[in-house]
Structure formats: structure tokens, C-alpha cells
Amino acid sequence: MGAGALLGGAFAASVMRRTGERALVALALVAAVVSCLLLIPSWLPVVMAAMALLGLCIVWVNVGALTLIQRRTPADLLGRVDAALTIAVTVPQTASIALGAALVAVVDYRLLLAVMAAVLVISVVYLMGGPGAVAPARAAPVPVRDGRA
């Protein structure tokens, strides 16, 4: 996972420059889908590759999301938006750790990985313009409240 994270960090900026922040996050989520599916078999080389891919996608999600926030949020609101993102990520993550620990005791882990992959696919479709998707991000900076660009 650490090796994948280092590789992801090395290439995140160049991929984001070519694709944009949302596309970087979408690519990371697709990589997470592949990682979930590769974790289903119990062959060690495949599992190690899946974990490296997971490390890469975690970095790409973070880089894409945080860059998008920094580019689209007025400077005087940046701290609040970052705090809101932190809460929106860490609270469900903590709950999912507890739920996952309970579920893995009664449900086959392969089924849980397949469900995770399906939810990630739905997330990618939503992010990239599926039904009810948010408007695409604009490249232009948002002016701050005191009139500066």
C-alpha cells in the first residue's frame, strides 16, 4: 500500500493536469473498484498488487478532492470547507470500520468486497455526470468576498 501511495503521489499532479480534479478522483475510484475485485481471490501476488493499487487510489482521491476545494472555495471560507470535508469523511469512515468489523464476522469477505466495488461504480457514475450529478467544476478561480480574484 505504501509503495502504491508513493507511486500515486509521484504521478497525481501530472495526471490531474491532463484530466482535472474530478477525473482524477473518478480514476482513483475506478482503481479502487479494481482493487476490491483483485482482493477477492486469495493468491498473494494478486492481493499485493491490489493493495498497491489501493494505496495509489487513496492518494489520488485526496489530491483531487483537496485541490478542487482549494481552487473553488473563496479564501475566507477555506478553513470551514476543509473542516466540513474532514467531518464528512472521518465520521462515516469511523462508522464503517465498526460496521465492517461486525459484518466480516457474519458475511463472507468476498461478498463485502463485491458490494464495495458496486458502490464505488455508482459513485463514479454519479461523479462523472450520471443522473443528478453535480455540475462540472470550472477552472476559473472564485473571487473572495473583498473583491480580490
N, C-alpha and C. Protein backbone atom coordinates (compact mmCIF):
# COMPACT_ATOMS: atom_id res chain seq x y z
N MET A 1 0.83 -1.19 0.00
CA MET A 1 0.00 0.00 0.00
C MET A 1 0.87 1.25 0.00
N GLY A 2 1.93 1.22 0.78
CA GLY A 2 2.84 2.36 0.82
C GLY A 2 3.53 2.60 -0.51
N ALA A 3 3.93 1.52 -1.19
CA ALA A 3 4.57 1.67 -2.50
C ALA A 3 3.58 2.28 -3.49
N GLY A 4 2.35 1.84 -3.46
CA GLY A 4 1.33 2.40 -4.34
C GLY A 4 1.07 3.87 -4.03
N ALA A 5 1.08 4.22 -2.75
CA ALA A 5 0.87 5.61 -2.35
C ALA A 5 2.00 6.49 -2.85
N LEU A 6 3.24 6.00 -2.77
CA LEU A 6 4.38 6.77 -3.29
C LEU A 6 4.26 6.95 -4.80
N LEU A 7 3.90 5.90 -5.50
CA LEU A 7 3.73 5.99 -6.94
C LEU A 7 2.58 6.94 -7.29
N GLY A 8 1.49 6.83 -6.55
CA GLY A 8 0.35 7.72 -6.77
C GLY A 8 0.71 9.18 -6.53
N GLY A 9 1.47 9.43 -5.49
CA GLY A 9 1.90 10.79 -5.21
C GLY A 9 2.81 11.34 -6.29
N ALA A 10 3.65 10.48 -6.85
CA ALA A 10 4.58 10.92 -7.88
C ALA A 10 3.86 11.32 -9.17
N PHE A 11 2.73 10.69 -9.45
CA PHE A 11 2.04 10.93 -10.72
C PHE A 11 0.73 11.71 -10.59
N ALA A 12 0.30 12.00 -9.40
CA ALA A 12 -1.00 12.65 -9.21
C ALA A 12 -1.08 14.01 -9.91
N ALA A 13 -0.08 14.83 -9.76
CA ALA A 13 -0.12 16.17 -10.35
C ALA A 13 -0.16 16.12 -11.87
N SER A 14 0.66 15.26 -12.48
CA SER A 14 0.67 15.21 -13.94
C SER A 14 -0.64 14.65 -14.49
N VAL A 15 -1.21 13.65 -13.83
CA VAL A 15 -2.49 13.11 -14.28
C VAL A 15 -3.59 14.16 -14.09
N MET A 16 -3.56 14.86 -12.98
CA MET A 16 -4.58 15.88 -12.71
C MET A 16 -4.48 17.04 -13.69
N ARG A 17 -3.27 17.41 -14.08
CA ARG A 17 -3.10 18.48 -15.06
C ARG A 17 -3.75 18.11 -16.39
N ARG A 18 -3.65 16.86 -16.77
CA ARG A 18 -4.23 16.41 -18.04
C ARG A 18 -5.72 16.15 -17.97
N THR A 19 -6.22 15.75 -16.80
CA THR A 19 -7.62 15.30 -16.72
C THR A 19 -8.51 16.21 -15.90
N GLY A 20 -7.97 16.91 -14.92
CA GLY A 20 -8.77 17.71 -14.00
C GLY A 20 -8.98 16.98 -12.68
N GLU A 21 -9.44 17.73 -11.69
CA GLU A 21 -9.58 17.18 -10.34
C GLU A 21 -10.65 16.09 -10.26
N ARG A 22 -11.82 16.37 -10.84
CA ARG A 22 -12.91 15.38 -10.77
C ARG A 22 -12.53 14.09 -11.47
N ALA A 23 -11.89 14.20 -12.62
CA ALA A 23 -11.49 13.00 -13.35
C ALA A 23 -10.42 12.22 -12.58
N LEU A 24 -9.52 12.92 -11.88
CA LEU A 24 -8.53 12.23 -11.06
C LEU A 24 -9.22 11.43 -9.96
N VAL A 25 -10.20 12.03 -9.32
CA VAL A 25 -10.95 11.31 -8.28
C VAL A 25 -11.69 10.12 -8.90
N ALA A 26 -12.30 10.33 -10.07
CA ALA A 26 -13.02 9.24 -10.73
C ALA A 26 -12.07 8.10 -11.10
N LEU A 27 -10.90 8.43 -11.63
CA LEU A 27 -9.91 7.40 -11.94
C LEU A 27 -9.49 6.65 -10.67
N ALA A 28 -9.34 7.38 -9.58
CA ALA A 28 -8.99 6.75 -8.31
C ALA A 28 -10.09 5.80 -7.85
N LEU A 29 -11.34 6.20 -8.02
CA LEU A 29 -12.44 5.32 -7.62
C LEU A 29 -12.51 4.08 -8.51
N VAL A 30 -12.23 4.24 -9.79
CA VAL A 30 -12.16 3.07 -10.69
C VAL A 30 -11.02 2.15 -10.24
N ALA A 31 -9.89 2.73 -9.87
CA ALA A 31 -8.78 1.93 -9.35
C ALA A 31 -9.19 1.20 -8.07
N ALA A 32 -10.00 1.84 -7.24
CA ALA A 32 -10.48 1.20 -6.02
C ALA A 32 -11.41 0.04 -6.35
N VAL A 33 -12.23 0.18 -7.40
CA VAL A 33 -13.09 -0.93 -7.84
C VAL A 33 -12.22 -2.12 -8.24
N VAL A 34 -11.21 -1.85 -9.06
CA VAL A 34 -10.30 -2.91 -9.50
C VAL A 34 -9.61 -3.54 -8.29
N SER A 35 -9.19 -2.70 -7.36
CA SER A 35 -8.53 -3.20 -6.16
C SER A 35 -9.45 -4.12 -5.36
N CYS A 36 -10.70 -3.71 -5.18
CA CYS A 36 -11.65 -4.55 -4.45
C CYS A 36 -11.81 -5.90 -5.13
N LEU A 37 -11.93 -5.89 -6.45
CA LEU A 37 -12.11 -7.14 -7.19
C LEU A 37 -10.86 -8.01 -7.15
N LEU A 38 -9.68 -7.38 -7.16
CA LEU A 38 -8.44 -8.16 -7.07
C LEU A 38 -8.21 -8.73 -5.67
N LEU A 39 -8.86 -8.18 -4.67
CA LEU A 39 -8.72 -8.69 -3.31
C LEU A 39 -9.59 -9.93 -3.07
N ILE A 40 -10.50 -10.22 -3.97
CA ILE A 40 -11.40 -11.37 -3.78
C ILE A 40 -10.64 -12.70 -3.81
N PRO A 41 -9.80 -12.94 -4.81
CA PRO A 41 -9.04 -14.21 -4.75
C PRO A 41 -7.99 -14.13 -3.64
N SER A 42 -7.55 -15.26 -3.18
CA SER A 42 -6.61 -15.25 -2.05
C SER A 42 -5.18 -15.59 -2.49
N TRP A 43 -4.83 -15.27 -3.74
CA TRP A 43 -3.48 -15.51 -4.23
C TRP A 43 -2.62 -14.31 -3.86
N LEU A 44 -1.57 -14.53 -3.11
CA LEU A 44 -0.77 -13.45 -2.52
C LEU A 44 -0.25 -12.42 -3.53
N PRO A 45 0.31 -12.79 -4.68
CA PRO A 45 0.78 -11.75 -5.60
C PRO A 45 -0.35 -10.82 -6.08
N VAL A 46 -1.53 -11.37 -6.29
CA VAL A 46 -2.67 -10.56 -6.73
C VAL A 46 -3.11 -9.64 -5.59
N VAL A 47 -3.15 -10.14 -4.39
CA VAL A 47 -3.53 -9.34 -3.22
C VAL A 47 -2.53 -8.20 -3.00
N MET A 48 -1.25 -8.47 -3.18
CA MET A 48 -0.24 -7.42 -3.01
C MET A 48 -0.39 -6.34 -4.08
N ALA A 49 -0.67 -6.74 -5.32
CA ALA A 49 -0.90 -5.76 -6.39
C ALA A 49 -2.15 -4.93 -6.08
N ALA A 50 -3.19 -5.59 -5.56
CA ALA A 50 -4.42 -4.88 -5.21
C ALA A 50 -4.17 -3.86 -4.11
N MET A 51 -3.37 -4.20 -3.14
CA MET A 51 -3.08 -3.26 -2.05
C MET A 51 -2.24 -2.09 -2.55
N ALA A 52 -1.31 -2.34 -3.47
CA ALA A 52 -0.54 -1.23 -4.06
C ALA A 52 -1.47 -0.29 -4.82
N LEU A 53 -2.39 -0.87 -5.57
CA LEU A 53 -3.37 -0.06 -6.31
C LEU A 53 -4.25 0.73 -5.35
N LEU A 54 -4.62 0.12 -4.24
CA LEU A 54 -5.42 0.82 -3.23
C LEU A 54 -4.66 2.01 -2.65
N GLY A 55 -3.36 1.83 -2.39
CA GLY A 55 -2.55 2.94 -1.90
C GLY A 55 -2.52 4.09 -2.89
N LEU A 56 -2.38 3.77 -4.18
CA LEU A 56 -2.38 4.79 -5.22
C LEU A 56 -3.71 5.54 -5.23
N CYS A 57 -4.82 4.81 -5.17
CA CYS A 57 -6.11 5.48 -5.31
C CYS A 57 -6.44 6.35 -4.09
N ILE A 58 -5.98 5.98 -2.93
CA ILE A 58 -6.23 6.81 -1.75
C ILE A 58 -5.56 8.18 -1.92
N VAL A 59 -4.32 8.17 -2.41
CA VAL A 59 -3.60 9.43 -2.64
C VAL A 59 -4.32 10.25 -3.70
N TRP A 60 -4.75 9.63 -4.79
CA TRP A 60 -5.40 10.37 -5.88
C TRP A 60 -6.72 10.97 -5.44
N VAL A 61 -7.48 10.26 -4.63
CA VAL A 61 -8.74 10.83 -4.13
C VAL A 61 -8.44 12.06 -3.28
N ASN A 62 -7.48 11.94 -2.39
CA ASN A 62 -7.14 13.07 -1.52
C ASN A 62 -6.61 14.26 -2.31
N VAL A 63 -5.70 14.03 -3.23
CA VAL A 63 -5.13 15.12 -4.02
C VAL A 63 -6.22 15.79 -4.85
N GLY A 64 -7.04 15.01 -5.52
CA GLY A 64 -8.09 15.58 -6.36
C GLY A 64 -9.11 16.37 -5.56
N ALA A 65 -9.58 15.80 -4.47
CA ALA A 65 -10.61 16.47 -3.67
C ALA A 65 -10.08 17.73 -3.02
N LEU A 66 -8.91 17.65 -2.42
CA LEU A 66 -8.36 18.83 -1.74
C LEU A 66 -7.98 19.93 -2.72
N THR A 67 -7.46 19.56 -3.88
CA THR A 67 -7.14 20.57 -4.89
C THR A 67 -8.41 21.25 -5.38
N LEU A 68 -9.45 20.47 -5.61
CA LEU A 68 -10.72 21.05 -6.06
C LEU A 68 -11.27 22.02 -5.03
N ILE A 69 -11.20 21.65 -3.77
CA ILE A 69 -11.67 22.56 -2.71
C ILE A 69 -10.84 23.85 -2.71
N GLN A 70 -9.54 23.72 -2.80
CA GLN A 70 -8.69 24.91 -2.77
C GLN A 70 -8.93 25.82 -3.96
N ARG A 71 -9.22 25.24 -5.11
CA ARG A 71 -9.43 26.05 -6.31
C ARG A 71 -10.81 26.67 -6.37
N ARG A 72 -11.82 26.06 -5.76
CA ARG A 72 -13.19 26.52 -5.93
C ARG A 72 -13.79 27.21 -4.71
N THR A 73 -13.05 27.28 -3.63
CA THR A 73 -13.58 27.87 -2.40
C THR A 73 -12.98 29.24 -2.17
N PRO A 74 -13.82 30.23 -1.88
CA PRO A 74 -13.28 31.56 -1.52
C PRO A 74 -12.34 31.43 -0.33
N ALA A 75 -11.28 32.23 -0.33
CA ALA A 75 -10.23 32.12 0.68
C ALA A 75 -10.78 32.25 2.10
N ASP A 76 -11.76 33.12 2.31
CA ASP A 76 -12.27 33.32 3.67
C ASP A 76 -13.14 32.15 4.15
N LEU A 77 -13.48 31.24 3.28
CA LEU A 77 -14.28 30.06 3.67
C LEU A 77 -13.49 28.77 3.63
N LEU A 78 -12.25 28.83 3.23
CA LEU A 78 -11.47 27.63 3.01
C LEU A 78 -11.34 26.75 4.26
N GLY A 79 -11.11 27.34 5.40
CA GLY A 79 -10.99 26.58 6.64
C GLY A 79 -12.28 25.85 6.99
N ARG A 80 -13.41 26.52 6.80
CA ARG A 80 -14.71 25.90 7.10
C ARG A 80 -15.00 24.75 6.15
N VAL A 81 -14.71 24.96 4.88
CA VAL A 81 -14.97 23.90 3.89
C VAL A 81 -14.07 22.70 4.14
N ASP A 82 -12.81 22.96 4.47
CA ASP A 82 -11.89 21.86 4.78
C ASP A 82 -12.36 21.10 6.02
N ALA A 83 -12.81 21.82 7.04
CA ALA A 83 -13.32 21.17 8.24
C ALA A 83 -14.56 20.34 7.94
N ALA A 84 -15.43 20.87 7.10
CA ALA A 84 -16.64 20.13 6.72
C ALA A 84 -16.27 18.85 5.97
N LEU A 85 -15.30 18.93 5.06
CA LEU A 85 -14.85 17.74 4.35
C LEU A 85 -14.26 16.72 5.32
N THR A 86 -13.46 17.19 6.25
CA THR A 86 -12.86 16.29 7.23
C THR A 86 -13.93 15.54 8.03
N ILE A 87 -14.94 16.26 8.48
CA ILE A 87 -16.03 15.61 9.22
C ILE A 87 -16.81 14.67 8.31
N ALA A 88 -17.07 15.11 7.07
CA ALA A 88 -17.84 14.29 6.14
C ALA A 88 -17.11 12.99 5.76
N VAL A 89 -15.80 12.99 5.89
CA VAL A 89 -15.03 11.78 5.57
C VAL A 89 -14.78 10.94 6.82
N THR A 90 -14.36 11.55 7.92
CA THR A 90 -13.92 10.76 9.07
C THR A 90 -15.06 10.14 9.86
N VAL A 91 -16.19 10.80 9.97
CA VAL A 91 -17.30 10.21 10.73
C VAL A 91 -17.83 8.95 10.05
N PRO A 92 -18.16 8.99 8.74
CA PRO A 92 -18.60 7.75 8.09
C PRO A 92 -17.49 6.68 8.05
N GLN A 93 -16.24 7.12 7.93
CA GLN A 93 -15.14 6.15 7.92
C GLN A 93 -15.07 5.41 9.25
N THR A 94 -15.20 6.13 10.35
CA THR A 94 -15.17 5.50 11.66
C THR A 94 -16.35 4.54 11.83
N ALA A 95 -17.52 4.98 11.41
CA ALA A 95 -18.69 4.10 11.49
C ALA A 95 -18.53 2.87 10.62
N SER A 96 -17.93 3.04 9.43
CA SER A 96 -17.77 1.89 8.53
C SER A 96 -16.75 0.89 9.08
N ILE A 97 -15.78 1.36 9.83
CA ILE A 97 -14.82 0.43 10.45
C ILE A 97 -15.55 -0.46 11.45
N ALA A 98 -16.40 0.14 12.26
CA ALA A 98 -17.16 -0.66 13.23
C ALA A 98 -18.13 -1.61 12.52
N LEU A 99 -18.85 -1.09 11.52
CA LEU A 99 -19.79 -1.92 10.78
C LEU A 99 -19.06 -3.04 10.04
N GLY A 100 -17.93 -2.72 9.42
CA GLY A 100 -17.16 -3.74 8.71
C GLY A 100 -16.64 -4.82 9.63
N ALA A 101 -16.20 -4.44 10.82
CA ALA A 101 -15.73 -5.43 11.79
C ALA A 101 -16.86 -6.37 12.20
N ALA A 102 -18.05 -5.83 12.33
CA ALA A 102 -19.19 -6.68 12.68
C ALA A 102 -19.61 -7.55 11.49
N LEU A 103 -19.65 -6.97 10.31
CA LEU A 103 -20.10 -7.72 9.13
C LEU A 103 -19.14 -8.84 8.74
N VAL A 104 -17.84 -8.59 8.84
CA VAL A 104 -16.89 -9.60 8.41
C VAL A 104 -16.98 -10.87 9.29
N ALA A 105 -17.55 -10.73 10.47
CA ALA A 105 -17.74 -11.89 11.34
C ALA A 105 -18.89 -12.77 10.88
N VAL A 106 -19.84 -12.20 10.11
CA VAL A 106 -21.03 -12.98 9.72
C VAL A 106 -21.22 -13.09 8.21
N VAL A 107 -20.52 -12.26 7.42
CA VAL A 107 -20.68 -12.26 5.97
C VAL A 107 -19.31 -12.54 5.34
N ASP A 108 -19.30 -13.34 4.29
CA ASP A 108 -18.06 -13.66 3.60
C ASP A 108 -17.41 -12.37 3.07
N TYR A 109 -16.13 -12.23 3.32
CA TYR A 109 -15.42 -11.01 2.92
C TYR A 109 -15.50 -10.77 1.42
N ARG A 110 -15.57 -11.84 0.63
CA ARG A 110 -15.64 -11.68 -0.82
C ARG A 110 -16.93 -10.99 -1.23
N LEU A 111 -18.02 -11.29 -0.56
CA LEU A 111 -19.29 -10.60 -0.84
C LEU A 111 -19.19 -9.13 -0.45
N LEU A 112 -18.56 -8.85 0.68
CA LEU A 112 -18.39 -7.46 1.11
C LEU A 112 -17.54 -6.67 0.10
N LEU A 113 -16.49 -7.29 -0.43
CA LEU A 113 -15.66 -6.63 -1.43
C LEU A 113 -16.45 -6.38 -2.72
N ALA A 114 -17.30 -7.31 -3.11
CA ALA A 114 -18.13 -7.12 -4.30
C ALA A 114 -19.12 -5.98 -4.10
N VAL A 115 -19.71 -5.90 -2.92
CA VAL A 115 -20.63 -4.79 -2.62
C VAL A 115 -19.88 -3.47 -2.63
N MET A 116 -18.68 -3.44 -2.05
CA MET A 116 -17.87 -2.22 -2.08
C MET A 116 -17.58 -1.79 -3.51
N ALA A 117 -17.24 -2.74 -4.38
CA ALA A 117 -16.96 -2.43 -5.78
C ALA A 117 -18.20 -1.85 -6.45
N ALA A 118 -19.37 -2.42 -6.17
CA ALA A 118 -20.62 -1.91 -6.78
C ALA A 118 -20.92 -0.49 -6.32
N VAL A 119 -20.73 -0.21 -5.05
CA VAL A 119 -20.98 1.14 -4.53
C VAL A 119 -19.99 2.13 -5.14
N LEU A 120 -18.76 1.72 -5.32
CA LEU A 120 -17.77 2.59 -5.96
C LEU A 120 -18.11 2.87 -7.41
N VAL A 121 -18.63 1.88 -8.13
CA VAL A 121 -19.05 2.10 -9.52
C VAL A 121 -20.17 3.14 -9.56
N ILE A 122 -21.13 3.02 -8.67
CA ILE A 122 -22.22 4.01 -8.59
C ILE A 122 -21.66 5.39 -8.31
N SER A 123 -20.66 5.47 -7.45
CA SER A 123 -20.03 6.76 -7.13
C SER A 123 -19.36 7.38 -8.34
N VAL A 124 -18.68 6.55 -9.14
CA VAL A 124 -18.01 7.06 -10.34
C VAL A 124 -19.04 7.58 -11.33
N VAL A 125 -20.13 6.83 -11.52
CA VAL A 125 -21.17 7.27 -12.45
C VAL A 125 -21.75 8.60 -12.00
N TYR A 126 -22.01 8.74 -10.72
CA TYR A 126 -22.54 9.99 -10.19
C TYR A 126 -21.54 11.13 -10.39
N LEU A 127 -20.29 10.89 -10.05
CA LEU A 127 -19.26 11.92 -10.13
C LEU A 127 -19.05 12.40 -11.55
N MET A 128 -19.10 11.50 -12.50
CA MET A 128 -18.79 11.86 -13.88
C MET A 128 -20.01 12.25 -14.70
N GLY A 129 -21.13 12.48 -14.07
CA GLY A 129 -22.25 13.04 -14.81
C GLY A 129 -23.45 12.14 -14.96
N GLY A 130 -23.60 11.19 -14.08
CA GLY A 130 -24.78 10.35 -14.12
C GLY A 130 -26.00 11.13 -13.68
N PRO A 131 -27.13 10.47 -13.56
CA PRO A 131 -28.37 11.16 -13.17
C PRO A 131 -28.19 11.93 -11.86
N GLY A 132 -28.54 13.20 -11.89
CA GLY A 132 -28.49 14.03 -10.69
C GLY A 132 -27.09 14.45 -10.28
N ALA A 133 -26.12 14.32 -11.17
CA ALA A 133 -24.74 14.65 -10.82
C ALA A 133 -24.58 16.15 -10.63
N VAL A 134 -23.57 16.50 -9.89
CA VAL A 134 -23.27 17.91 -9.67
C VAL A 134 -22.68 18.49 -10.94
N ALA A 135 -22.77 19.80 -11.09
CA ALA A 135 -22.23 20.48 -12.27
C ALA A 135 -20.72 20.33 -12.29
N PRO A 136 -20.12 20.25 -13.49
CA PRO A 136 -18.67 20.11 -13.55
C PRO A 136 -17.97 21.34 -12.99
N ALA A 137 -16.80 21.11 -12.45
CA ALA A 137 -16.02 22.20 -11.86
C ALA A 137 -15.50 23.12 -12.96
N ARG A 138 -15.47 24.40 -12.69
CA ARG A 138 -14.90 25.38 -13.61
C ARG A 138 -13.45 25.61 -13.24
N ALA A 139 -12.65 25.91 -14.22
CA ALA A 139 -11.23 26.15 -13.98
C ALA A 139 -10.97 27.54 -13.42
N ALA A 140 -11.89 28.48 -13.64
CA ALA A 140 -11.67 29.86 -13.19
C ALA A 140 -11.72 29.93 -11.67
N PRO A 141 -10.84 30.75 -11.06
CA PRO A 141 -10.87 30.89 -9.61
C PRO A 141 -12.11 31.65 -9.15
N VAL A 142 -12.53 31.37 -7.95
CA VAL A 142 -13.68 32.04 -7.37
C VAL A 142 -13.19 33.28 -6.63
N PRO A 143 -13.76 34.47 -6.88
CA PRO A 143 -13.28 35.66 -6.18
C PRO A 143 -13.63 35.60 -4.69
N VAL A 144 -12.78 36.21 -3.88
CA VAL A 144 -13.05 36.28 -2.45
C VAL A 144 -14.01 37.43 -2.17
N ARG A 145 -14.53 37.50 -0.99
CA ARG A 145 -15.58 38.46 -0.66
C ARG A 145 -15.14 39.92 -0.72
N ASP A 146 -13.87 40.20 -0.53
CA ASP A 146 -13.45 41.60 -0.53
C ASP A 146 -13.13 42.12 -1.95
N GLY A 147 -13.43 41.33 -2.97
CA GLY A 147 -13.30 41.77 -4.35
C GLY A 147 -12.03 41.33 -5.04
N ARG A 148 -11.06 40.75 -4.30
CA ARG A 148 -9.84 40.28 -4.95
C ARG A 148 -10.15 38.98 -5.69
N ALA A 149 -9.38 38.71 -6.75
CA ALA A 149 -9.55 37.47 -7.52
C ALA A 149 -8.72 36.37 -6.92
